Structure formats: structure tokens, C-alpha cells
Amino acid sequence: MTGYADLIARLATVADSYAADRAGINAWYEQQCAAAYESLAQADAQLAAAGAALATAQGAVEFTDAEAVRLWGLLAARMKVPVPALGVPPGEDAATDGEHPARLLEQVRELLDEARPVTVRRPVRRVLLIL
């Protein structure tokens, strides 16, 4: 049989072991929480960067669409055709994937600068009536 002093010593050893295990578990928990907070902060930063990139891309799309409409109107004016008669500007061309829209718009501007305005001829009937 074991004496009372031995049981107390054994209880103290178990309590010390328990305290060391508990301290290790608490330290592990704190590390896990710190890693989770760091991951959360990184995710928030990535989300903010993605939001900024999205806003920039939306601005570029809106500019490109507005410029396409403006160039379409310029084409109608050069052809001396009402804009509604021309219809809506064409949409995206699948063949130009990967090419920057600014370059495509620049090519359209160059082509429009090269195009001469259409001269409207009087109908022959009017000319004959004038004579």
C-alpha cells in the first residue's frame, strides 16, 4: 500500500504534467489563431486588390464602349447616314481575342481618318427638273 505522502507527490506530478500539457495546448491554439488571422488579413488584402482591379476593368470597358459608340457616330457622319440607319455598333469580335481594345480602337481611328467623306449626288430627276 502507498502512503498518503506518496499519493500527494503523485498528484503533484500529475498536476504539473497536466499544467505543462495545458500550456502546450494553449500555445498551439494561439499559434493557430494567429495563423488564421494572418490568412484572413491576406484574404482581405487580395479581395481589396481584386475589387480595385475590377473597378479599373469596368472603367476600361465603359470607356471602350463609349469610344466605340462615338466612332460609330463618326462613321455615320462620314457616310452621311443617320446613326439609327446604321444600327448599333458591332459587338466583340471573337477573332481578336488577346488584342488590347485600345489598339483596336486606334486602328478604327486610323481607318476613319483615311476614309473620305461620301459626297451626296443629286438625283438625276432633280437635275432634269431644274433644266
Foldseek 3Di string as FASTA:
>chain_A
DDDPVVVVVVVVVVVVVVVVVVVVVVVVVVVVVVVVVVVVVVVVVVVVVVVVVVVVVVVVVVVLQVLQQVLLCLVCVLAVHDSVVVPHGDDDDPVCPPPDSVVVSVVSVVVSVVDGRDDDDDDPVVVVVVD
